[in-house]
Every structure is written in structure tokens, then in C-alpha cells.
């Protein structure tokens, strides 16, 4: 019987964490989960997807559709909801979904405090991906993730990136009692500006091979 293994990926906005997850998914033939977890949590709990979206790790009040959603304003009144269900209960439901998936299959999880939720799993590699500010902006521009980008200076976009990451940090630190982005919180920290996407994938694969989790 094959041993299940898991990869969790925390990342700075625009550092390429999602691209790395997609490449690893293709490489190993296992699913990756990002926003899909919101749909699964909503379906399994019978609650509206919007309730979970309102406490998603990046979500706050909308500023610019898509990329800048969640950068400005409070994190929906610091994770509060208008449904009468508290933030801890919603986090518990999403955590249960992650555990159920892990019980069923090997998988890659992007964000959502998955490293903390799966902390008792042996075959779990927790990764954090970072990159230079310039590379992060360039990657988002290439993916057309910054609407009306010509209206903003590089400094303004970098500032908004930092605000976006601040939301992730607040969410992560609140629920995990750890420090988002700190090396001690993860097994492996990778700089995609130095290694490139494929280089990051290779390092992760090499670690999994060395642990005997893949062959």
C-alpha cells in the first residue's frame, strides 16, 4: 500500500506558490487544493460559500476586482461573519475538510493554514515560497492579475502586495499561533527568484525522494 504524502505551500503574493503547486500536481499525479476548499467546505457544511469566502486568508473589503480584493479594509471585521457563526467554527469546518482529504489521498494544499492543520501527519512537507518584489509584480503582470496596472507605479503595486501579505500573515498567525513566513514555521523555505519555478519543484521533489515518500 502506497504511503500518503502531503505538501503544504505558504507563499508571498506573486511568488509563484500556486504555479509550483500545479507543477507538483502534474509531476506526481495528485490533486492540489486552493480556493476549491471553500467550495468543499460549503458543500459539506451546508453553508453558503460566501460565508467561507468572507474569512478566506486574503479576503477583506473589495478594492479592485480579482487581485486587489482583500487588500484594503479589515479582514471582514477581523474574521467576523454576518451569519451568526463565529470565525473559529468556520475555520474548524475548513480544517475538517483538509483532514478528510488527507485521510483519502495524497494532496497538495496551498495556504489555508494547512501546515498547522496537518501538523500531526508524518509524511507532510511544509514549504514557504518567497521572491523579490520586482519578480512578484512581474509575475502578476504576466498573468494579467493586476487590472489597470498602468494606473499604478511600481512602488504603489509593491505597497499593495505588502498589504495583501499582511492579511495572510494576520490570518495565519491568529489561527496557528505561529509566525507566517518565518523559517521556523516551515520545513523548507524557497526563493523562486533565485531558483525559478522549476528549480523549486526540483528541490521539493528531491526532499520527498530523500524521505522515501516518493520513488
N, C-alpha and C. Protein backbone atom coordinates (compact mmCIF):
# COMPACT_ATOMS: atom_id res chain seq x y z
N UNK A 1 0.84 -1.20 0.00
CA UNK A 1 0.00 0.00 0.00
C UNK A 1 0.88 1.25 0.00
N UNK A 2 0.61 2.17 -0.93
CA UNK A 2 1.39 3.38 -1.02
C UNK A 2 1.15 4.28 0.18
N UNK A 3 2.23 4.90 0.66
CA UNK A 3 2.11 5.85 1.76
C UNK A 3 1.58 7.17 1.24
N UNK A 4 0.57 7.69 1.90
CA UNK A 4 0.07 9.01 1.51
C UNK A 4 1.08 10.06 1.94
N UNK A 5 1.24 11.08 1.12
CA UNK A 5 2.11 12.19 1.50
C UNK A 5 1.42 13.50 1.15
N UNK A 6 1.87 14.55 1.79
CA UNK A 6 1.22 15.85 1.62
C UNK A 6 2.26 16.94 1.49
N UNK A 7 1.93 17.93 0.69
CA UNK A 7 2.77 19.12 0.56
C UNK A 7 1.89 20.32 0.87
N UNK A 8 2.31 21.15 1.79
CA UNK A 8 1.59 22.39 2.04
C UNK A 8 2.48 23.54 1.58
N UNK A 9 1.86 24.52 0.95
CA UNK A 9 2.62 25.64 0.39
C UNK A 9 2.06 26.96 0.88
N UNK A 10 2.85 27.63 1.70
CA UNK A 10 2.56 29.01 2.06
C UNK A 10 3.36 29.88 1.10
N UNK A 11 2.93 31.11 0.87
CA UNK A 11 3.63 31.90 -0.14
C UNK A 11 3.33 33.38 -0.01
N UNK A 12 4.28 34.18 -0.47
CA UNK A 12 4.02 35.59 -0.66
C UNK A 12 3.17 35.74 -1.92
N UNK A 13 2.37 36.78 -1.96
CA UNK A 13 1.57 37.05 -3.15
C UNK A 13 2.49 37.26 -4.34
N UNK A 14 2.25 36.50 -5.41
CA UNK A 14 3.03 36.65 -6.62
C UNK A 14 4.35 35.92 -6.64
N UNK A 15 4.65 35.15 -5.59
CA UNK A 15 5.93 34.44 -5.53
C UNK A 15 5.93 33.16 -6.36
N UNK A 16 4.76 32.74 -6.84
CA UNK A 16 4.68 31.55 -7.68
C UNK A 16 4.28 30.29 -6.95
N UNK A 17 3.75 30.43 -5.74
CA UNK A 17 3.35 29.25 -4.97
C UNK A 17 2.31 28.41 -5.67
N UNK A 18 1.33 29.06 -6.30
CA UNK A 18 0.27 28.32 -6.98
C UNK A 18 0.83 27.61 -8.21
N UNK A 19 1.72 28.27 -8.94
CA UNK A 19 2.36 27.63 -10.10
C UNK A 19 3.15 26.40 -9.67
N UNK A 20 3.85 26.52 -8.58
CA UNK A 20 4.62 25.38 -8.06
C UNK A 20 3.68 24.24 -7.69
N UNK A 21 2.57 24.56 -7.05
CA UNK A 21 1.58 23.54 -6.68
C UNK A 21 1.04 22.83 -7.92
N UNK A 22 0.75 23.59 -8.96
CA UNK A 22 0.24 23.00 -10.20
C UNK A 22 1.28 22.07 -10.83
N UNK A 23 2.54 22.50 -10.85
CA UNK A 23 3.59 21.68 -11.43
C UNK A 23 3.80 20.40 -10.62
N UNK A 24 3.77 20.52 -9.31
CA UNK A 24 3.91 19.33 -8.46
C UNK A 24 2.74 18.37 -8.67
N UNK A 25 1.56 18.94 -8.84
CA UNK A 25 0.37 18.12 -9.09
C UNK A 25 0.54 17.32 -10.38
N UNK A 26 1.06 17.97 -11.42
CA UNK A 26 1.31 17.29 -12.69
C UNK A 26 2.42 16.24 -12.54
N UNK A 27 3.46 16.60 -11.80
CA UNK A 27 4.62 15.72 -11.63
C UNK A 27 4.25 14.43 -10.90
N UNK A 28 3.43 14.55 -9.85
CA UNK A 28 3.13 13.40 -9.00
C UNK A 28 1.76 12.78 -9.26
N UNK A 29 0.95 13.44 -10.08
CA UNK A 29 -0.38 12.91 -10.36
C UNK A 29 -1.30 12.93 -9.16
N UNK A 30 -1.15 13.95 -8.32
CA UNK A 30 -2.02 14.11 -7.16
C UNK A 30 -2.70 15.47 -7.22
N UNK A 31 -3.86 15.63 -6.61
CA UNK A 31 -4.58 16.91 -6.71
C UNK A 31 -3.97 18.00 -5.84
N UNK A 32 -4.20 19.24 -6.25
CA UNK A 32 -3.85 20.36 -5.38
C UNK A 32 -5.12 21.13 -5.06
N UNK A 33 -5.15 21.70 -3.89
CA UNK A 33 -6.33 22.42 -3.42
C UNK A 33 -5.96 23.84 -3.02
N UNK A 34 -6.70 24.79 -3.57
CA UNK A 34 -6.54 26.20 -3.20
C UNK A 34 -7.93 26.71 -2.86
N UNK A 35 -8.52 27.48 -3.74
CA UNK A 35 -9.86 28.01 -3.47
C UNK A 35 -10.92 26.92 -3.50
N UNK A 36 -10.58 25.76 -4.10
CA UNK A 36 -11.55 24.66 -4.13
C UNK A 36 -12.01 24.27 -2.73
N UNK A 37 -11.16 24.51 -1.75
CA UNK A 37 -11.51 24.16 -0.37
C UNK A 37 -12.73 24.92 0.12
N UNK A 38 -12.92 26.14 -0.40
CA UNK A 38 -14.10 26.91 0.00
C UNK A 38 -15.37 26.23 -0.49
N UNK A 39 -15.33 25.73 -1.74
CA UNK A 39 -16.49 25.02 -2.29
C UNK A 39 -16.77 23.74 -1.51
N UNK A 40 -15.70 23.00 -1.19
CA UNK A 40 -15.87 21.75 -0.45
C UNK A 40 -16.43 22.00 0.94
N UNK A 41 -15.88 23.01 1.62
CA UNK A 41 -16.34 23.33 2.97
C UNK A 41 -17.80 23.75 2.96
N UNK A 42 -18.18 24.54 1.96
CA UNK A 42 -19.56 24.99 1.86
C UNK A 42 -20.50 23.81 1.60
N UNK A 43 -20.10 22.92 0.70
CA UNK A 43 -20.93 21.77 0.37
C UNK A 43 -21.10 20.83 1.56
N UNK A 44 -20.00 20.56 2.27
CA UNK A 44 -20.07 19.60 3.37
C UNK A 44 -20.78 20.16 4.60
N UNK A 45 -20.74 21.48 4.75
CA UNK A 45 -21.37 22.09 5.93
C UNK A 45 -22.80 22.54 5.67
N UNK A 46 -23.15 22.68 4.37
CA UNK A 46 -24.47 23.18 4.04
C UNK A 46 -24.58 24.69 4.15
N UNK A 47 -23.44 25.35 4.37
CA UNK A 47 -23.42 26.81 4.48
C UNK A 47 -23.09 27.43 3.13
N UNK A 48 -23.35 28.72 3.01
CA UNK A 48 -23.07 29.44 1.78
C UNK A 48 -21.57 29.58 1.57
N UNK A 49 -21.14 29.46 0.32
CA UNK A 49 -19.72 29.64 0.00
C UNK A 49 -19.25 31.03 0.39
N UNK A 50 -20.14 32.01 0.28
CA UNK A 50 -19.75 33.39 0.58
C UNK A 50 -19.35 33.55 2.04
N UNK A 51 -19.94 32.75 2.92
CA UNK A 51 -19.59 32.83 4.34
C UNK A 51 -18.12 32.46 4.53
N UNK A 52 -17.69 31.40 3.84
CA UNK A 52 -16.29 30.99 3.94
C UNK A 52 -15.38 31.98 3.22
N UNK A 53 -15.85 32.51 2.10
CA UNK A 53 -15.03 33.47 1.35
C UNK A 53 -14.74 34.71 2.17
N UNK A 54 -15.67 35.07 3.04
CA UNK A 54 -15.50 36.27 3.85
C UNK A 54 -14.43 36.14 4.92
N UNK A 55 -14.04 34.91 5.25
CA UNK A 55 -12.92 34.75 6.18
C UNK A 55 -11.74 34.06 5.50
N UNK A 56 -11.78 34.01 4.17
CA UNK A 56 -10.65 33.44 3.45
C UNK A 56 -9.39 34.21 3.81
N UNK A 57 -8.24 33.56 3.69
CA UNK A 57 -6.98 34.13 4.18
C UNK A 57 -6.62 35.46 3.57
N UNK A 58 -7.16 35.80 2.41
CA UNK A 58 -6.79 37.05 1.77
C UNK A 58 -7.94 38.04 1.72
N UNK A 59 -9.11 37.66 2.24
CA UNK A 59 -10.31 38.41 1.96
C UNK A 59 -10.54 39.56 2.94
N UNK A 60 -10.89 40.69 2.42
CA UNK A 60 -11.34 41.82 3.22
C UNK A 60 -12.37 42.55 2.39
N UNK A 61 -12.45 43.86 2.44
CA UNK A 61 -13.36 44.59 1.58
C UNK A 61 -12.75 44.71 0.20
N UNK A 62 -13.56 44.77 -0.83
CA UNK A 62 -13.05 44.80 -2.20
C UNK A 62 -12.47 46.17 -2.53
N UNK A 63 -11.39 46.15 -3.29
CA UNK A 63 -10.78 47.39 -3.75
C UNK A 63 -10.78 47.38 -5.26
N UNK A 64 -10.05 46.49 -5.84
CA UNK A 64 -10.07 46.29 -7.28
C UNK A 64 -10.34 44.82 -7.50
N UNK A 65 -11.23 44.49 -8.44
CA UNK A 65 -11.65 43.10 -8.62
C UNK A 65 -10.45 42.20 -8.85
N UNK A 66 -10.58 40.96 -8.37
CA UNK A 66 -9.54 39.97 -8.56
C UNK A 66 -8.37 40.19 -7.64
N UNK A 67 -7.29 40.68 -8.20
CA UNK A 67 -6.03 40.75 -7.47
C UNK A 67 -6.08 41.58 -6.21
N UNK A 68 -6.72 42.77 -6.26
CA UNK A 68 -6.68 43.64 -5.09
C UNK A 68 -7.84 43.41 -4.13
N UNK A 69 -8.67 42.41 -4.41
CA UNK A 69 -9.73 42.09 -3.46
C UNK A 69 -9.11 41.63 -2.15
N UNK A 70 -9.47 42.28 -1.07
CA UNK A 70 -8.96 41.85 0.22
C UNK A 70 -7.76 42.61 0.72
N UNK A 71 -7.25 43.56 -0.06
CA UNK A 71 -6.06 44.26 0.38
C UNK A 71 -6.40 45.40 1.33
N UNK A 72 -7.48 46.10 1.07
CA UNK A 72 -7.83 47.24 1.90
C UNK A 72 -8.91 46.86 2.90
N UNK A 73 -8.97 47.56 3.99
CA UNK A 73 -10.03 47.34 4.96
C UNK A 73 -9.71 46.23 5.93
N UNK A 74 -10.56 46.03 6.90
CA UNK A 74 -10.35 44.99 7.90
C UNK A 74 -10.67 43.64 7.32
N UNK A 75 -10.19 42.62 7.93
CA UNK A 75 -10.42 41.26 7.45
C UNK A 75 -11.83 40.85 7.86
N UNK A 76 -12.81 41.49 7.16
CA UNK A 76 -14.23 41.30 7.43
C UNK A 76 -14.49 41.37 8.93
N UNK A 77 -14.17 42.55 9.47
CA UNK A 77 -14.30 42.79 10.91
C UNK A 77 -13.50 41.76 11.70
N UNK A 78 -12.24 41.57 11.25
CA UNK A 78 -11.34 40.59 11.88
C UNK A 78 -11.98 39.21 11.95
N UNK A 79 -12.34 38.72 10.75
CA UNK A 79 -12.85 37.36 10.54
C UNK A 79 -14.28 37.17 11.00
N UNK A 80 -14.94 38.22 11.37
CA UNK A 80 -16.33 38.05 11.77
C UNK A 80 -17.21 37.74 10.57
N UNK A 81 -18.41 37.25 10.78
CA UNK A 81 -19.34 36.99 9.70
C UNK A 81 -20.69 37.56 10.08
N UNK A 82 -21.55 37.64 9.08
CA UNK A 82 -22.90 38.13 9.34
C UNK A 82 -23.88 36.98 9.49
N UNK A 83 -23.36 35.76 9.57
CA UNK A 83 -24.22 34.58 9.59
C UNK A 83 -24.54 34.10 11.00
N UNK A 84 -23.87 34.68 11.99
CA UNK A 84 -24.06 34.21 13.35
C UNK A 84 -23.13 33.09 13.72
N UNK A 85 -22.34 32.60 12.75
CA UNK A 85 -21.37 31.55 13.01
C UNK A 85 -20.01 32.21 13.24
N UNK A 86 -19.34 31.84 14.31
CA UNK A 86 -18.10 32.53 14.61
C UNK A 86 -16.94 32.04 13.75
N UNK A 87 -15.88 32.81 13.76
CA UNK A 87 -14.72 32.55 12.90
C UNK A 87 -14.05 31.23 13.22
N UNK A 88 -14.00 30.87 14.50
CA UNK A 88 -13.37 29.62 14.89
C UNK A 88 -14.13 28.41 14.35
N UNK A 89 -15.46 28.50 14.34
CA UNK A 89 -16.27 27.40 13.82
C UNK A 89 -16.06 27.23 12.32
N UNK A 90 -16.00 28.33 11.60
CA UNK A 90 -15.76 28.26 10.17
C UNK A 90 -14.37 27.69 9.87
N UNK A 91 -13.39 28.09 10.66
CA UNK A 91 -12.04 27.55 10.49
C UNK A 91 -12.03 26.06 10.80
N UNK A 92 -12.78 25.65 11.81
CA UNK A 92 -12.85 24.22 12.16
C UNK A 92 -13.44 23.41 11.01
N UNK A 93 -14.48 23.94 10.38
CA UNK A 93 -15.11 23.23 9.26
C UNK A 93 -14.12 23.07 8.11
N UNK A 94 -13.43 24.16 7.78
CA UNK A 94 -12.45 24.09 6.70
C UNK A 94 -11.30 23.15 7.07
N UNK A 95 -10.91 23.16 8.33
CA UNK A 95 -9.84 22.26 8.79
C UNK A 95 -10.27 20.81 8.65
N UNK A 96 -11.53 20.52 9.00
CA UNK A 96 -12.04 19.16 8.87
C UNK A 96 -12.01 18.70 7.41
N UNK A 97 -12.31 19.62 6.49
CA UNK A 97 -12.27 19.28 5.07
C UNK A 97 -10.86 18.90 4.64
N UNK A 98 -9.88 19.66 5.11
CA UNK A 98 -8.49 19.36 4.78
C UNK A 98 -8.09 18.00 5.34
N UNK A 99 -8.50 17.71 6.56
CA UNK A 99 -8.17 16.41 7.17
C UNK A 99 -8.86 15.26 6.43
N UNK A 100 -10.11 15.47 6.02
CA UNK A 100 -10.83 14.43 5.29
C UNK A 100 -10.14 14.12 3.97
N UNK A 101 -9.70 15.16 3.27
CA UNK A 101 -8.97 14.96 2.02
C UNK A 101 -7.68 14.19 2.28
N UNK A 102 -6.97 14.58 3.33
CA UNK A 102 -5.70 13.92 3.68
C UNK A 102 -5.91 12.46 4.05
N UNK A 103 -7.04 12.15 4.67
CA UNK A 103 -7.34 10.75 5.00
C UNK A 103 -7.57 9.92 3.75
N UNK A 104 -8.06 10.60 2.70
CA UNK A 104 -8.46 9.91 1.48
C UNK A 104 -7.32 9.74 0.48
N UNK A 105 -6.45 10.75 0.38
CA UNK A 105 -5.48 10.74 -0.71
C UNK A 105 -4.28 11.64 -0.42
N UNK A 106 -3.21 11.40 -1.15
CA UNK A 106 -2.09 12.33 -1.15
C UNK A 106 -2.56 13.62 -1.81
N UNK A 107 -2.05 14.75 -1.36
CA UNK A 107 -2.54 16.01 -1.91
C UNK A 107 -1.58 17.15 -1.62
N UNK A 108 -1.79 18.24 -2.36
CA UNK A 108 -1.04 19.48 -2.17
C UNK A 108 -2.04 20.54 -1.73
N UNK A 109 -1.72 21.26 -0.68
CA UNK A 109 -2.60 22.29 -0.16
C UNK A 109 -1.90 23.64 -0.22
N UNK A 110 -2.56 24.62 -0.82
CA UNK A 110 -1.99 25.96 -0.93
C UNK A 110 -2.65 26.85 0.11
N UNK A 111 -1.85 27.34 1.06
CA UNK A 111 -2.38 28.24 2.08
C UNK A 111 -3.34 27.55 3.04
N UNK A 112 -4.28 28.32 3.56
CA UNK A 112 -5.34 27.84 4.46
C UNK A 112 -4.80 27.21 5.74
N UNK A 113 -3.61 27.59 6.15
CA UNK A 113 -3.01 27.08 7.39
C UNK A 113 -2.89 25.56 7.38
N UNK A 114 -2.78 24.98 6.19
CA UNK A 114 -2.75 23.52 6.08
C UNK A 114 -1.56 22.90 6.81
N UNK A 115 -0.44 23.63 6.87
CA UNK A 115 0.71 23.09 7.59
C UNK A 115 0.40 22.87 9.06
N UNK A 116 -0.36 23.78 9.64
CA UNK A 116 -0.76 23.66 11.05
C UNK A 116 -1.82 22.57 11.21
N UNK A 117 -2.77 22.54 10.31
CA UNK A 117 -3.87 21.58 10.40
C UNK A 117 -3.37 20.14 10.28
N UNK A 118 -2.34 19.95 9.46
CA UNK A 118 -1.78 18.61 9.24
C UNK A 118 -0.50 18.37 10.03
N UNK A 119 -0.30 19.12 11.09
CA UNK A 119 0.96 19.08 11.84
C UNK A 119 1.26 17.71 12.45
N UNK A 120 0.25 16.86 12.64
CA UNK A 120 0.49 15.55 13.24
C UNK A 120 0.71 14.46 12.20
N UNK A 121 0.67 14.82 10.92
CA UNK A 121 0.93 13.85 9.85
C UNK A 121 2.44 13.71 9.65
N UNK A 122 2.89 12.49 9.56
CA UNK A 122 4.33 12.27 9.42
C UNK A 122 4.85 12.65 8.04
N UNK A 123 4.19 12.18 6.99
CA UNK A 123 4.67 12.41 5.63
C UNK A 123 4.10 13.72 5.07
N UNK A 124 4.48 14.81 5.69
CA UNK A 124 3.97 16.12 5.28
C UNK A 124 5.13 17.11 5.20
N UNK A 125 5.33 17.69 4.02
CA UNK A 125 6.39 18.67 3.81
C UNK A 125 5.77 20.06 3.73
N UNK A 126 6.18 20.92 4.64
CA UNK A 126 5.63 22.28 4.71
C UNK A 126 6.61 23.27 4.09
N UNK A 127 6.16 23.93 3.04
CA UNK A 127 7.02 24.79 2.23
C UNK A 127 6.51 26.23 2.28
N UNK A 128 7.46 27.18 2.27
CA UNK A 128 7.09 28.59 2.11
C UNK A 128 7.88 29.15 0.94
N UNK A 129 7.18 29.86 0.04
CA UNK A 129 7.80 30.39 -1.17
C UNK A 129 7.83 31.91 -1.12
N UNK A 130 9.00 32.46 -1.37
CA UNK A 130 9.17 33.90 -1.39
C UNK A 130 9.83 34.32 -2.70
N UNK A 131 9.87 35.61 -2.97
CA UNK A 131 10.52 36.14 -4.17
C UNK A 131 10.75 37.63 -3.97
N UNK A 132 11.56 38.20 -4.84
CA UNK A 132 11.78 39.64 -4.76
C UNK A 132 10.50 40.38 -5.15
N UNK A 133 10.37 41.60 -4.67
CA UNK A 133 9.19 42.39 -5.00
C UNK A 133 9.03 42.59 -6.49
N UNK A 134 10.13 42.84 -7.18
CA UNK A 134 10.07 43.08 -8.62
C UNK A 134 9.59 41.84 -9.37
N UNK A 135 10.08 40.67 -8.98
CA UNK A 135 9.66 39.43 -9.63
C UNK A 135 8.19 39.13 -9.35
N UNK A 136 7.75 39.43 -8.16
CA UNK A 136 6.35 39.19 -7.81
C UNK A 136 5.43 40.05 -8.67
N UNK A 137 5.79 41.32 -8.82
CA UNK A 137 4.98 42.22 -9.65
C UNK A 137 5.00 41.75 -11.10
N UNK A 138 6.18 41.39 -11.61
CA UNK A 138 6.30 40.94 -12.99
C UNK A 138 5.46 39.71 -13.25
N UNK A 139 5.46 38.77 -12.31
CA UNK A 139 4.68 37.55 -12.49
C UNK A 139 3.18 37.86 -12.56
N UNK A 140 2.72 38.74 -11.70
CA UNK A 140 1.31 39.10 -11.68
C UNK A 140 0.92 39.86 -12.94
N UNK A 141 1.82 40.70 -13.44
CA UNK A 141 1.55 41.42 -14.68
C UNK A 141 1.45 40.45 -15.85
N UNK A 142 2.33 39.47 -15.89
CA UNK A 142 2.32 38.47 -16.96
C UNK A 142 1.02 37.67 -16.96
N UNK A 143 0.48 37.45 -15.78
CA UNK A 143 -0.76 36.67 -15.65
C UNK A 143 -2.00 37.56 -15.71
N UNK A 144 -1.80 38.84 -15.99
CA UNK A 144 -2.91 39.80 -16.04
C UNK A 144 -3.72 39.80 -14.75
N UNK A 145 -3.02 39.70 -13.61
CA UNK A 145 -3.69 39.68 -12.32
C UNK A 145 -3.80 41.08 -11.69
N UNK A 146 -3.32 42.10 -12.42
CA UNK A 146 -3.39 43.46 -11.89
C UNK A 146 -4.17 44.32 -12.88
N UNK A 147 -5.49 44.42 -12.71
CA UNK A 147 -6.30 45.25 -13.61
C UNK A 147 -5.83 46.70 -13.60
N UNK A 148 -5.84 47.32 -14.78
CA UNK A 148 -5.44 48.73 -14.90
C UNK A 148 -4.05 48.97 -14.32
N UNK A 149 -3.15 48.03 -14.55
CA UNK A 149 -1.82 48.11 -13.96
C UNK A 149 -1.09 49.40 -14.33
N UNK A 150 -1.39 49.91 -15.54
CA UNK A 150 -0.70 51.11 -15.99
C UNK A 150 -1.04 52.33 -15.14
N UNK A 151 -2.10 52.22 -14.35
CA UNK A 151 -2.51 53.34 -13.50
C UNK A 151 -1.70 53.42 -12.21
N UNK A 152 -0.86 52.44 -11.96
CA UNK A 152 -0.12 52.37 -10.70
C UNK A 152 1.39 52.37 -10.94
N UNK A 153 2.11 53.00 -10.04
CA UNK A 153 3.56 52.96 -10.09
C UNK A 153 4.04 51.64 -9.48
N UNK A 154 5.28 51.29 -9.73
CA UNK A 154 5.85 50.09 -9.13
C UNK A 154 5.77 50.15 -7.61
N UNK A 155 6.05 51.33 -7.05
CA UNK A 155 6.02 51.49 -5.60
C UNK A 155 4.62 51.26 -5.05
N UNK A 156 3.60 51.74 -5.77
CA UNK A 156 2.22 51.56 -5.31
C UNK A 156 1.82 50.09 -5.35
N UNK A 157 2.21 49.39 -6.41
CA UNK A 157 1.87 47.97 -6.52
C UNK A 157 2.59 47.17 -5.43
N UNK A 158 3.86 47.49 -5.19
CA UNK A 158 4.60 46.80 -4.14
C UNK A 158 3.97 47.03 -2.77
N UNK A 159 3.50 48.25 -2.55
CA UNK A 159 2.84 48.56 -1.28
C UNK A 159 1.57 47.74 -1.11
N UNK A 160 0.81 47.61 -2.20
CA UNK A 160 -0.42 46.83 -2.15
C UNK A 160 -0.13 45.34 -1.96
N UNK A 161 0.97 44.89 -2.55
CA UNK A 161 1.38 43.50 -2.32
C UNK A 161 1.66 43.25 -0.85
N UNK A 162 2.35 44.18 -0.23
CA UNK A 162 2.67 44.04 1.19
C UNK A 162 1.40 44.03 2.03
N UNK A 163 0.43 44.84 1.64
CA UNK A 163 -0.83 44.86 2.39
C UNK A 163 -1.57 43.54 2.23
N UNK A 164 -1.51 42.98 1.02
CA UNK A 164 -2.15 41.68 0.78
C UNK A 164 -1.50 40.61 1.65
N UNK A 165 -0.18 40.61 1.69
CA UNK A 165 0.53 39.63 2.52
C UNK A 165 0.27 39.85 4.00
N UNK A 166 0.04 41.10 4.38
CA UNK A 166 -0.27 41.39 5.78
C UNK A 166 -1.56 40.71 6.20
N UNK A 167 -2.54 40.62 5.28
CA UNK A 167 -3.79 39.92 5.57
C UNK A 167 -3.53 38.43 5.79
N UNK A 168 -2.70 37.86 4.92
CA UNK A 168 -2.36 36.45 5.07
C UNK A 168 -1.66 36.21 6.41
N UNK A 169 -0.74 37.11 6.73
CA UNK A 169 0.01 36.97 7.97
C UNK A 169 -0.91 37.03 9.18
N UNK A 170 -1.85 37.98 9.18
CA UNK A 170 -2.77 38.12 10.30
C UNK A 170 -3.63 36.87 10.46
N UNK A 171 -4.14 36.36 9.35
CA UNK A 171 -4.97 35.15 9.36
C UNK A 171 -4.17 33.96 9.89
N UNK A 172 -2.99 33.76 9.35
CA UNK A 172 -2.15 32.61 9.72
C UNK A 172 -1.75 32.69 11.19
N UNK A 173 -1.26 33.82 11.61
CA UNK A 173 -0.79 33.96 12.99
C UNK A 173 -1.92 33.77 13.99
N UNK A 174 -3.10 34.25 13.64
CA UNK A 174 -4.25 34.15 14.55
C UNK A 174 -4.63 32.69 14.80
N UNK A 175 -4.70 31.91 13.72
CA UNK A 175 -5.20 30.54 13.84
C UNK A 175 -4.14 29.50 14.18
N UNK A 176 -2.88 29.80 13.94
CA UNK A 176 -1.84 28.78 14.13
C UNK A 176 -0.94 29.02 15.34
N UNK A 177 -0.94 30.23 15.86
CA UNK A 177 -0.03 30.60 16.95
C UNK A 177 1.42 30.50 16.50
N UNK A 178 1.63 30.57 15.19
CA UNK A 178 2.98 30.59 14.63
C UNK A 178 3.16 31.90 13.86
N UNK A 179 4.35 32.09 13.31
CA UNK A 179 4.65 33.30 12.58
C UNK A 179 4.70 33.03 11.08
N UNK A 180 3.79 33.66 10.34
CA UNK A 180 3.73 33.49 8.89
C UNK A 180 5.04 33.94 8.26
N UNK A 181 5.58 33.10 7.37
CA UNK A 181 6.78 33.47 6.64
C UNK A 181 8.09 33.26 7.37
N UNK A 182 8.04 32.94 8.66
CA UNK A 182 9.26 32.72 9.44
C UNK A 182 9.79 31.32 9.17
N UNK A 183 11.09 31.20 8.98
CA UNK A 183 11.69 29.90 8.63
C UNK A 183 11.33 28.81 9.63
N UNK A 184 11.25 29.15 10.90
CA UNK A 184 10.97 28.16 11.94
C UNK A 184 9.57 27.57 11.82
N UNK A 185 8.69 28.21 11.07
CA UNK A 185 7.31 27.72 10.93
C UNK A 185 7.17 26.66 9.84
N UNK A 186 8.23 26.42 9.07
CA UNK A 186 8.14 25.53 7.91
C UNK A 186 9.32 24.56 7.87
N UNK A 187 9.20 23.56 7.01
CA UNK A 187 10.31 22.62 6.81
C UNK A 187 11.30 23.15 5.78
N UNK A 188 10.78 23.92 4.83
CA UNK A 188 11.58 24.33 3.68
C UNK A 188 11.13 25.70 3.19
N UNK A 189 12.07 26.63 3.06
CA UNK A 189 11.77 27.96 2.53
C UNK A 189 12.52 28.13 1.22
N UNK A 190 11.81 28.50 0.16
CA UNK A 190 12.39 28.59 -1.17
C UNK A 190 12.22 29.99 -1.75
N UNK A 191 13.25 30.47 -2.42
CA UNK A 191 13.22 31.76 -3.10
C UNK A 191 13.06 31.50 -4.59
N UNK A 192 11.87 31.74 -5.13
CA UNK A 192 11.62 31.45 -6.54
C UNK A 192 12.37 32.41 -7.46
N UNK A 193 12.79 33.57 -6.95
CA UNK A 193 13.61 34.47 -7.75
C UNK A 193 14.98 33.86 -8.00
N UNK A 194 15.49 33.15 -7.02
CA UNK A 194 16.80 32.51 -7.12
C UNK A 194 16.72 31.18 -7.87
N UNK A 195 15.71 30.37 -7.55
CA UNK A 195 15.63 29.01 -8.08
C UNK A 195 14.78 28.88 -9.33
N UNK A 196 13.83 29.80 -9.53
CA UNK A 196 12.86 29.64 -10.59
C UNK A 196 11.79 28.63 -10.17
N UNK A 197 10.70 28.60 -10.91
CA UNK A 197 9.60 27.67 -10.58
C UNK A 197 10.08 26.23 -10.68
N UNK A 198 10.74 25.89 -11.78
CA UNK A 198 11.19 24.51 -11.97
C UNK A 198 12.25 24.13 -10.95
N UNK A 199 13.08 25.09 -10.57
CA UNK A 199 14.08 24.81 -9.55
C UNK A 199 13.44 24.50 -8.21
N UNK A 200 12.38 25.23 -7.87
CA UNK A 200 11.66 24.97 -6.62
C UNK A 200 11.01 23.59 -6.65
N UNK A 201 10.43 23.25 -7.80
CA UNK A 201 9.81 21.94 -7.96
C UNK A 201 10.85 20.84 -7.76
N UNK A 202 12.04 21.03 -8.34
CA UNK A 202 13.10 20.03 -8.23
C UNK A 202 13.56 19.85 -6.78
N UNK A 203 13.72 20.96 -6.06
CA UNK A 203 14.15 20.87 -4.67
C UNK A 203 13.12 20.09 -3.85
N UNK A 204 11.85 20.41 -4.04
CA UNK A 204 10.79 19.72 -3.30
C UNK A 204 10.78 18.23 -3.65
N UNK A 205 10.92 17.93 -4.93
CA UNK A 205 10.95 16.52 -5.35
C UNK A 205 12.13 15.80 -4.72
N UNK A 206 13.29 16.44 -4.71
CA UNK A 206 14.48 15.83 -4.12
C UNK A 206 14.29 15.54 -2.63
N UNK A 207 13.63 16.45 -1.93
CA UNK A 207 13.38 16.23 -0.50
C UNK A 207 12.44 15.04 -0.30
N UNK A 208 11.38 14.98 -1.11
CA UNK A 208 10.43 13.87 -1.00
C UNK A 208 11.12 12.54 -1.29
N UNK A 209 12.00 12.54 -2.28
CA UNK A 209 12.75 11.32 -2.61
C UNK A 209 13.66 10.91 -1.45
N UNK A 210 14.32 11.90 -0.85
CA UNK A 210 15.24 11.60 0.25
C UNK A 210 14.51 11.06 1.47
N UNK A 211 13.25 11.46 1.63
CA UNK A 211 12.44 10.97 2.75
C UNK A 211 11.81 9.62 2.45
N UNK A 212 11.86 9.20 1.19
CA UNK A 212 11.26 7.93 0.81
C UNK A 212 9.76 8.00 0.63
N UNK A 213 9.23 9.21 0.49
CA UNK A 213 7.78 9.37 0.34
C UNK A 213 7.33 9.18 -1.10
N UNK A 214 8.27 9.34 -2.04
CA UNK A 214 8.00 9.03 -3.44
C UNK A 214 9.16 8.19 -3.95
N UNK A 215 8.96 7.54 -5.11
CA UNK A 215 10.01 6.71 -5.69
C UNK A 215 10.25 7.11 -7.14
